Amino acid sequence: MSKKPATVQSPASFEEAMAELQQLVTQMEAGELALEASIAAYKRGSELVKYCLAQLDKVDSQVKILEGDMLKPFVADEGQE
């Protein structure tokens, strides 16, 4: 009998992914997890980071399309340096 890999539920939104990631980080930093649970949390955290990065890339692309030629590099005012 072969085991099927566990299906990982994708977050519903960027905000949900960030909240879950923050919870995992808090648990790991507090030392609340056993070794196996820490490894699973690290793996899930990696998946959440990839998801968040993909969402940010999508939004960045959408902004570039919407703004078109209006995008200009940010230059700080000389008086604020």
PDB file of N, CA and C in Angstrom:
ATOM      1  N   MET A   1       0.840  -1.174   0.000  1.00  0.00           N
ATOM      2  CA  MET A   1       0.000   0.000   0.000  1.00  0.00           C
ATOM      3  C   MET A   1       0.887   1.241   0.000  1.00  0.00           C
ATOM      4  N   SER A   2       0.710   2.123  -0.993  1.00  0.00           N
ATOM      5  CA  SER A   2       1.544   3.323  -1.082  1.00  0.00           C
ATOM      6  C   SER A   2       0.881   4.486  -0.365  1.00  0.00           C
ATOM      7  N   LYS A   3       1.701   5.284   0.243  1.00  0.00           N
ATOM      8  CA  LYS A   3       1.188   6.464   0.945  1.00  0.00           C
ATOM      9  C   LYS A   3       1.108   7.627  -0.013  1.00  0.00           C
ATOM     10  N   LYS A   4      -0.001   8.350   0.038  1.00  0.00           N
ATOM     11  CA  LYS A   4      -0.136   9.570  -0.748  1.00  0.00           C
ATOM     12  C   LYS A   4       0.457  10.710   0.055  1.00  0.00           C
ATOM     13  N   PRO A   5       1.147  11.652  -0.618  1.00  0.00           N
ATOM     14  CA  PRO A   5       1.671  12.787   0.131  1.00  0.00           C
ATOM     15  C   PRO A   5       0.526  13.615   0.700  1.00  0.00           C
ATOM     16  N   ALA A   6       0.726  14.132   1.880  1.00  0.00           N
ATOM     17  CA  ALA A   6      -0.297  14.961   2.519  1.00  0.00           C
ATOM     18  C   ALA A   6      -0.544  16.202   1.673  1.00  0.00           C
ATOM     19  N   THR A   7      -1.801  16.525   1.473  1.00  0.00           N
ATOM     20  CA  THR A   7      -2.120  17.717   0.703  1.00  0.00           C
ATOM     21  C   THR A   7      -2.002  18.933   1.607  1.00  0.00           C
ATOM     22  N   VAL A   8      -1.315  19.913   1.119  1.00  0.00           N
ATOM     23  CA  VAL A   8      -1.111  21.138   1.880  1.00  0.00           C
ATOM     24  C   VAL A   8      -2.115  22.160   1.381  1.00  0.00           C
ATOM     25  N   GLN A   9      -2.865  22.710   2.305  1.00  0.00           N
ATOM     26  CA  GLN A   9      -3.876  23.687   1.939  1.00  0.00           C
ATOM     27  C   GLN A   9      -3.218  25.020   1.658  1.00  0.00           C
ATOM     28  N   SER A  10      -3.560  25.577   0.527  1.00  0.00           N
ATOM     29  CA  SER A  10      -3.036  26.890   0.147  1.00  0.00           C
ATOM     30  C   SER A  10      -3.791  27.960   0.937  1.00  0.00           C
ATOM     31  N   PRO A  11      -3.089  29.011   1.344  1.00  0.00           N
ATOM     32  CA  PRO A  11      -3.767  30.088   2.075  1.00  0.00           C
ATOM     33  C   PRO A  11      -4.821  30.761   1.196  1.00  0.00           C
ATOM     34  N   ALA A  12      -5.840  31.287   1.830  1.00  0.00           N
ATOM     35  CA  ALA A  12      -6.909  31.964   1.095  1.00  0.00           C
ATOM     36  C   ALA A  12      -6.465  33.343   0.610  1.00  0.00           C
ATOM     37  N   SER A  13      -5.494  33.925   1.316  1.00  0.00           N
ATOM     38  CA  SER A  13      -5.054  35.270   0.953  1.00  0.00           C
ATOM     39  C   SER A  13      -3.633  35.509   1.451  1.00  0.00           C
ATOM     40  N   PHE A  14      -3.054  36.590   0.981  1.00  0.00           N
ATOM     41  CA  PHE A  14      -1.728  37.010   1.424  1.00  0.00           C
ATOM     42  C   PHE A  14      -1.738  37.254   2.935  1.00  0.00           C
ATOM     43  N   GLU A  15      -2.778  37.920   3.404  1.00  0.00           N
ATOM     44  CA  GLU A  15      -2.874  38.252   4.831  1.00  0.00           C
ATOM     45  C   GLU A  15      -2.970  36.993   5.690  1.00  0.00           C
ATOM     46  N   GLU A  16      -3.724  36.009   5.212  1.00  0.00           N
ATOM     47  CA  GLU A  16      -3.843  34.750   5.948  1.00  0.00           C
ATOM     48  C   GLU A  16      -2.494  34.036   5.999  1.00  0.00           C
ATOM     49  N   ALA A  17      -1.778  34.046   4.898  1.00  0.00           N
ATOM     50  CA  ALA A  17      -0.460  33.418   4.857  1.00  0.00           C
ATOM     51  C   ALA A  17       0.505  34.113   5.810  1.00  0.00           C
ATOM     52  N   MET A  18       0.477  35.437   5.846  1.00  0.00           N
ATOM     53  CA  MET A  18       1.362  36.180   6.750  1.00  0.00           C
ATOM     54  C   MET A  18       1.014  35.895   8.212  1.00  0.00           C
ATOM     55  N   ALA A  19      -0.267  35.793   8.523  1.00  0.00           N
ATOM     56  CA  ALA A  19      -0.684  35.510   9.897  1.00  0.00           C
ATOM     57  C   ALA A  19      -0.223  34.119  10.324  1.00  0.00           C
ATOM     58  N   GLU A  20      -0.380  33.143   9.439  1.00  0.00           N
ATOM     59  CA  GLU A  20       0.063  31.783   9.753  1.00  0.00           C
ATOM     60  C   GLU A  20       1.581  31.733   9.896  1.00  0.00           C
ATOM     61  N   LEU A  21       2.268  32.441   9.035  1.00  0.00           N
ATOM     62  CA  LEU A  21       3.728  32.485   9.107  1.00  0.00           C
ATOM     63  C   LEU A  21       4.187  33.110  10.422  1.00  0.00           C
ATOM     64  N   GLN A  22       3.542  34.186  10.840  1.00  0.00           N
ATOM     65  CA  GLN A  22       3.889  34.832  12.104  1.00  0.00           C
ATOM     66  C   GLN A  22       3.661  33.888  13.279  1.00  0.00           C
ATOM     67  N   GLN A  23       2.575  33.137  13.228  1.00  0.00           N
ATOM     68  CA  GLN A  23       2.272  32.177  14.292  1.00  0.00           C
ATOM     69  C   GLN A  23       3.351  31.090  14.353  1.00  0.00           C
ATOM     70  N   LEU A  24       3.760  30.583  13.193  1.00  0.00           N
ATOM     71  CA  LEU A  24       4.810  29.566  13.157  1.00  0.00           C
ATOM     72  C   LEU A  24       6.122  30.107  13.725  1.00  0.00           C
ATOM     73  N   VAL A  25       6.485  31.310  13.326  1.00  0.00           N
ATOM     74  CA  VAL A  25       7.726  31.920  13.802  1.00  0.00           C
ATOM     75  C   VAL A  25       7.681  32.087  15.318  1.00  0.00           C
ATOM     76  N   THR A  26       6.557  32.552  15.841  1.00  0.00           N
ATOM     77  CA  THR A  26       6.411  32.743  17.287  1.00  0.00           C
ATOM     78  C   THR A  26       6.586  31.418  18.029  1.00  0.00           C
ATOM     79  N   GLN A  27       5.950  30.365  17.538  1.00  0.00           N
ATOM     80  CA  GLN A  27       6.063  29.053  18.166  1.00  0.00           C
ATOM     81  C   GLN A  27       7.496  28.531  18.120  1.00  0.00           C
ATOM     82  N   MET A  28       8.136  28.698  16.976  1.00  0.00           N
ATOM     83  CA  MET A  28       9.510  28.190  16.832  1.00  0.00           C
ATOM     84  C   MET A  28      10.474  28.973  17.713  1.00  0.00           C
ATOM     85  N   GLU A  29      10.309  30.286  17.767  1.00  0.00           N
ATOM     86  CA  GLU A  29      11.195  31.107  18.598  1.00  0.00           C
ATOM     87  C   GLU A  29      11.003  30.819  20.085  1.00  0.00           C
ATOM     88  N   ALA A  30       9.780  30.464  20.474  1.00  0.00           N
ATOM     89  CA  ALA A  30       9.493  30.185  21.881  1.00  0.00           C
ATOM     90  C   ALA A  30       9.958  28.788  22.288  1.00  0.00           C
ATOM     91  N   GLY A  31      10.341  27.974  21.317  1.00  0.00           N
ATOM     92  CA  GLY A  31      10.781  26.619  21.624  1.00  0.00           C
ATOM     93  C   GLY A  31       9.639  25.717  22.046  1.00  0.00           C
ATOM     94  N   GLU A  32       8.432  26.011  21.569  1.00  0.00           N
ATOM     95  CA  GLU A  32       7.243  25.255  21.960  1.00  0.00           C
ATOM     96  C   GLU A  32       7.082  23.942  21.189  1.00  0.00           C
ATOM     97  N   LEU A  33       7.861  23.746  20.140  1.00  0.00           N
ATOM     98  CA  LEU A  33       7.647  22.606  19.268  1.00  0.00           C
ATOM     99  C   LEU A  33       8.721  21.544  19.453  1.00  0.00           C
ATOM    100  N   ALA A  34       8.294  20.284  19.320  1.00  0.00           N
ATOM    101  CA  ALA A  34       9.244  19.176  19.313  1.00  0.00           C
ATOM    102  C   ALA A  34      10.026  19.219  17.995  1.00  0.00           C
ATOM    103  N   LEU A  35      11.085  18.443  17.915  1.00  0.00           N
ATOM    104  CA  LEU A  35      11.951  18.458  16.735  1.00  0.00           C
ATOM    105  C   LEU A  35      11.180  18.196  15.442  1.00  0.00           C
ATOM    106  N   GLU A  36      10.382  17.139  15.419  1.00  0.00           N
ATOM    107  CA  GLU A  36       9.621  16.807  14.204  1.00  0.00           C
ATOM    108  C   GLU A  36       8.628  17.915  13.849  1.00  0.00           C
ATOM    109  N   ALA A  37       7.987  18.475  14.859  1.00  0.00           N
ATOM    110  CA  ALA A  37       7.040  19.557  14.627  1.00  0.00           C
ATOM    111  C   ALA A  37       7.772  20.807  14.131  1.00  0.00           C
ATOM    112  N   SER A  38       8.970  21.034  14.618  1.00  0.00           N
ATOM    113  CA  SER A  38       9.777  22.175  14.159  1.00  0.00           C
ATOM    114  C   SER A  38      10.130  22.032  12.691  1.00  0.00           C
ATOM    115  N   ILE A  39      10.487  20.823  12.290  1.00  0.00           N
ATOM    116  CA  ILE A  39      10.821  20.568  10.882  1.00  0.00           C
ATOM    117  C   ILE A  39       9.590  20.791   9.998  1.00  0.00           C
ATOM    118  N   ALA A  40       8.443  20.283  10.445  1.00  0.00           N
ATOM    119  CA  ALA A  40       7.198  20.480   9.694  1.00  0.00           C
ATOM    120  C   ALA A  40       6.840  21.962   9.621  1.00  0.00           C
ATOM    121  N   ALA A  41       7.038  22.684  10.729  1.00  0.00           N
ATOM    122  CA  ALA A  41       6.740  24.116  10.753  1.00  0.00           C
ATOM    123  C   ALA A  41       7.669  24.871   9.818  1.00  0.00           C
ATOM    124  N   TYR A  42       8.933  24.491   9.792  1.00  0.00           N
ATOM    125  CA  TYR A  42       9.894  25.134   8.895  1.00  0.00           C
ATOM    126  C   TYR A  42       9.498  24.902   7.438  1.00  0.00           C
ATOM    127  N   LYS A  43       9.108  23.671   7.116  1.00  0.00           N
ATOM    128  CA  LYS A  43       8.686  23.350   5.748  1.00  0.00           C
ATOM    129  C   LYS A  43       7.452  24.171   5.363  1.00  0.00           C
ATOM    130  N   ARG A  44       6.473  24.228   6.273  1.00  0.00           N
ATOM    131  CA  ARG A  44       5.260  25.000   5.999  1.00  0.00           C
ATOM    132  C   ARG A  44       5.596  26.480   5.853  1.00  0.00           C
ATOM    133  N   GLY A  45       6.488  26.963   6.700  1.00  0.00           N
ATOM    134  CA  GLY A  45       6.922  28.353   6.605  1.00  0.00           C
ATOM    135  C   GLY A  45       7.543  28.660   5.258  1.00  0.00           C
ATOM    136  N   SER A  46       8.365  27.741   4.755  1.00  0.00           N
ATOM    137  CA  SER A  46       8.978  27.926   3.432  1.00  0.00           C
ATOM    138  C   SER A  46       7.915  28.018   2.347  1.00  0.00           C
ATOM    139  N   GLU A  47       6.910  27.163   2.449  1.00  0.00           N
ATOM    140  CA  GLU A  47       5.817  27.187   1.468  1.00  0.00           C
ATOM    141  C   GLU A  47       5.054  28.510   1.539  1.00  0.00           C
ATOM    142  N   LEU A  48       4.829  28.990   2.749  1.00  0.00           N
ATOM    143  CA  LEU A  48       4.113  30.258   2.922  1.00  0.00           C
ATOM    144  C   LEU A  48       4.920  31.432   2.378  1.00  0.00           C
ATOM    145  N   VAL A  49       6.225  31.415   2.594  1.00  0.00           N
ATOM    146  CA  VAL A  49       7.083  32.485   2.063  1.00  0.00           C
ATOM    147  C   VAL A  49       7.027  32.483   0.541  1.00  0.00           C
ATOM    148  N   LYS A  50       7.100  31.310  -0.075  1.00  0.00           N
ATOM    149  CA  LYS A  50       7.021  31.216  -1.538  1.00  0.00           C
ATOM    150  C   LYS A  50       5.686  31.747  -2.042  1.00  0.00           C
ATOM    151  N   TYR A  51       4.600  31.382  -1.339  1.00  0.00           N
ATOM    152  CA  TYR A  51       3.272  31.867  -1.714  1.00  0.00           C
ATOM    153  C   TYR A  51       3.218  33.394  -1.642  1.00  0.00           C
ATOM    154  N   CYS A  52       3.724  33.954  -0.535  1.00  0.00           N
ATOM    155  CA  CYS A  52       3.696  35.411  -0.353  1.00  0.00           C
ATOM    156  C   CYS A  52       4.519  36.116  -1.424  1.00  0.00           C
ATOM    157  N   LEU A  53       5.685  35.581  -1.725  1.00  0.00           N
ATOM    158  CA  LEU A  53       6.522  36.178  -2.769  1.00  0.00           C
ATOM    159  C   LEU A  53       5.828  36.145  -4.130  1.00  0.00           C
ATOM    160  N   ALA A  54       5.159  35.042  -4.428  1.00  0.00           N
ATOM    161  CA  ALA A  54       4.429  34.942  -5.698  1.00  0.00           C
ATOM    162  C   ALA A  54       3.301  35.971  -5.750  1.00  0.00           C
ATOM    163  N   GLN A  55       2.592  36.144  -4.624  1.00  0.00           N
ATOM    164  CA  GLN A  55       1.514  37.138  -4.574  1.00  0.00           C
ATOM    165  C   GLN A  55       2.072  38.547  -4.766  1.00  0.00           C
ATOM    166  N   LEU A  56       3.195  38.848  -4.126  1.00  0.00           N
ATOM    167  CA  LEU A  56       3.809  40.176  -4.276  1.00  0.00           C
ATOM    168  C   LEU A  56       4.280  40.412  -5.704  1.00  0.00           C
ATOM    169  N   ASP A  57       4.815  39.368  -6.347  1.00  0.00           N
ATOM    170  CA  ASP A  57       5.231  39.506  -7.744  1.00  0.00           C
ATOM    171  C   ASP A  57       4.040  39.805  -8.653  1.00  0.00           C
ATOM    172  N   LYS A  58       2.905  39.123  -8.384  1.00  0.00           N
ATOM    173  CA  LYS A  58       1.689  39.377  -9.174  1.00  0.00           C
ATOM    174  C   LYS A  58       1.247  40.828  -9.026  1.00  0.00           C
ATOM    175  N   VAL A  59       1.217  41.292  -7.797  1.00  0.00           N
ATOM    176  CA  VAL A  59       0.778  42.671  -7.542  1.00  0.00           C
ATOM    177  C   VAL A  59       1.741  43.658  -8.178  1.00  0.00           C
ATOM    178  N   ASP A  60       3.033  43.391  -8.080  1.00  0.00           N
ATOM    179  CA  ASP A  60       4.035  44.263  -8.697  1.00  0.00           C
ATOM    180  C   ASP A  60       3.814  44.355 -10.201  1.00  0.00           C
ATOM    181  N   SER A  61       3.541  43.215 -10.828  1.00  0.00           N
ATOM    182  CA  SER A  61       3.271  43.206 -12.275  1.00  0.00           C
ATOM    183  C   SER A  61       2.017  44.001 -12.607  1.00  0.00           C
ATOM    184  N   GLN A  62       0.989  43.843 -11.788  1.00  0.00           N
ATOM    185  CA  GLN A  62      -0.258  44.571 -12.030  1.00  0.00           C
ATOM    186  C   GLN A  62      -0.050  46.077 -11.896  1.00  0.00           C
ATOM    187  N   VAL A  63       0.717  46.495 -10.898  1.00  0.00           N
ATOM    188  CA  VAL A  63       0.989  47.926 -10.707  1.00  0.00           C
ATOM    189  C   VAL A  63       1.762  48.472 -11.897  1.00  0.00           C
ATOM    190  N   LYS A  64       2.750  47.722 -12.365  1.00  0.00           N
ATOM    191  CA  LYS A  64       3.532  48.179 -13.522  1.00  0.00           C
ATOM    192  C   LYS A  64       2.651  48.339 -14.752  1.00  0.00           C
ATOM    193  N   ILE A  65       1.717  47.418 -14.935  1.00  0.00           N
ATOM    194  CA  ILE A  65       0.807  47.511 -16.077  1.00  0.00           C
ATOM    195  C   ILE A  65      -0.105  48.724 -15.923  1.00  0.00           C
ATOM    196  N   LEU A  66      -0.650  48.908 -14.726  1.00  0.00           N
ATOM    197  CA  LEU A  66      -1.575  50.022 -14.494  1.00  0.00           C
ATOM    198  C   LEU A  66      -0.880  51.375 -14.602  1.00  0.00           C
ATOM    199  N   GLU A  67       0.334  51.470 -14.099  1.00  0.00           N
ATOM    200  CA  GLU A  67       1.056  52.738 -14.094  1.00  0.00           C
ATOM    201  C   GLU A  67       1.747  53.023 -15.431  1.00  0.00           C
ATOM    202  N   GLY A  68       2.101  51.996 -16.160  1.00  0.00           N
ATOM    203  CA  GLY A  68       2.728  52.170 -17.465  1.00  0.00           C
ATOM    204  C   GLY A  68       3.974  53.027 -17.381  1.00  0.00           C
ATOM    205  N   ASP A  69       4.029  54.071 -18.196  1.00  0.00           N
ATOM    206  CA  ASP A  69       5.198  54.946 -18.272  1.00  0.00           C
ATOM    207  C   ASP A  69       5.279  55.930 -17.116  1.00  0.00           C
ATOM    208  N   MET A  70       4.291  55.939 -16.241  1.00  0.00           N
ATOM    209  CA  MET A  70       4.298  56.896 -15.137  1.00  0.00           C
ATOM    210  C   MET A  70       5.261  56.491 -14.024  1.00  0.00           C
ATOM    211  N   LEU A  71       5.716  55.217 -14.012  1.00  0.00           N
ATOM    212  CA  LEU A  71       6.632  54.779 -12.965  1.00  0.00           C
ATOM    213  C   LEU A  71       7.985  55.454 -13.130  1.00  0.00           C
ATOM    214  N   LYS A  72       8.464  56.015 -12.067  1.00  0.00           N
ATOM    215  CA  LYS A  72       9.763  56.672 -12.070  1.00  0.00           C
ATOM    216  C   LYS A  72      10.519  56.203 -10.839  1.00  0.00           C
ATOM    217  N   PRO A  73      11.847  56.120 -10.920  1.00  0.00           N
ATOM    218  CA  PRO A  73      12.601  55.720  -9.735  1.00  0.00           C
ATOM    219  C   PRO A  73      12.419  56.719  -8.607  1.00  0.00           C
ATOM    220  N   PHE A  74      12.391  56.215  -7.375  1.00  0.00           N
ATOM    221  CA  PHE A  74      12.247  57.075  -6.200  1.00  0.00           C
ATOM    222  C   PHE A  74      13.556  57.800  -5.950  1.00  0.00           C
ATOM    223  N   VAL A  75      13.476  59.111  -5.811  1.00  0.00           N
ATOM    224  CA  VAL A  75      14.629  59.917  -5.486  1.00  0.00           C
ATOM    225  C   VAL A  75      14.261  60.758  -4.268  1.00  0.00           C
ATOM    226  N   ALA A  76      15.012  60.600  -3.189  1.00  0.00           N
ATOM    227  CA  ALA A  76      14.741  61.367  -1.985  1.00  0.00           C
ATOM    228  C   ALA A  76      15.096  62.825  -2.218  1.00  0.00           C
ATOM    229  N   ASP A  77      14.320  63.707  -1.589  1.00  0.00           N
ATOM    230  CA  ASP A  77      14.635  65.133  -1.691  1.00  0.00           C
ATOM    231  C   ASP A  77      15.992  65.395  -1.067  1.00  0.00           C
ATOM    232  N   GLU A  78      16.763  66.266  -1.679  1.00  0.00           N
ATOM    233  CA  GLU A  78      18.104  66.558  -1.165  1.00  0.00           C
ATOM    234  C   GLU A  78      18.058  67.178   0.210  1.00  0.00           C
ATOM    235  N   GLY A  79      17.012  67.895   0.557  1.00  0.00           N
ATOM    236  CA  GLY A  79      16.897  68.550   1.860  1.00  0.00           C
ATOM    237  C   GLY A  79      16.633  67.555   2.988  1.00  0.00           C
ATOM    238  N   GLN A  80      16.212  66.324   2.663  1.00  0.00           N
ATOM    239  CA  GLN A  80      15.875  65.341   3.685  1.00  0.00           C
ATOM    240  C   GLN A  80      17.061  64.447   4.041  1.00  0.00           C
ATOM    241  N   GLU A  81      18.147  64.541   3.361  1.00  0.00           N
ATOM    242  CA  GLU A  81      19.289  63.654   3.616  1.00  0.00           C
ATOM    243  C   GLU A  81      20.015  64.003   4.876  1.00  0.00           C
TER     244      GLU A  81
END
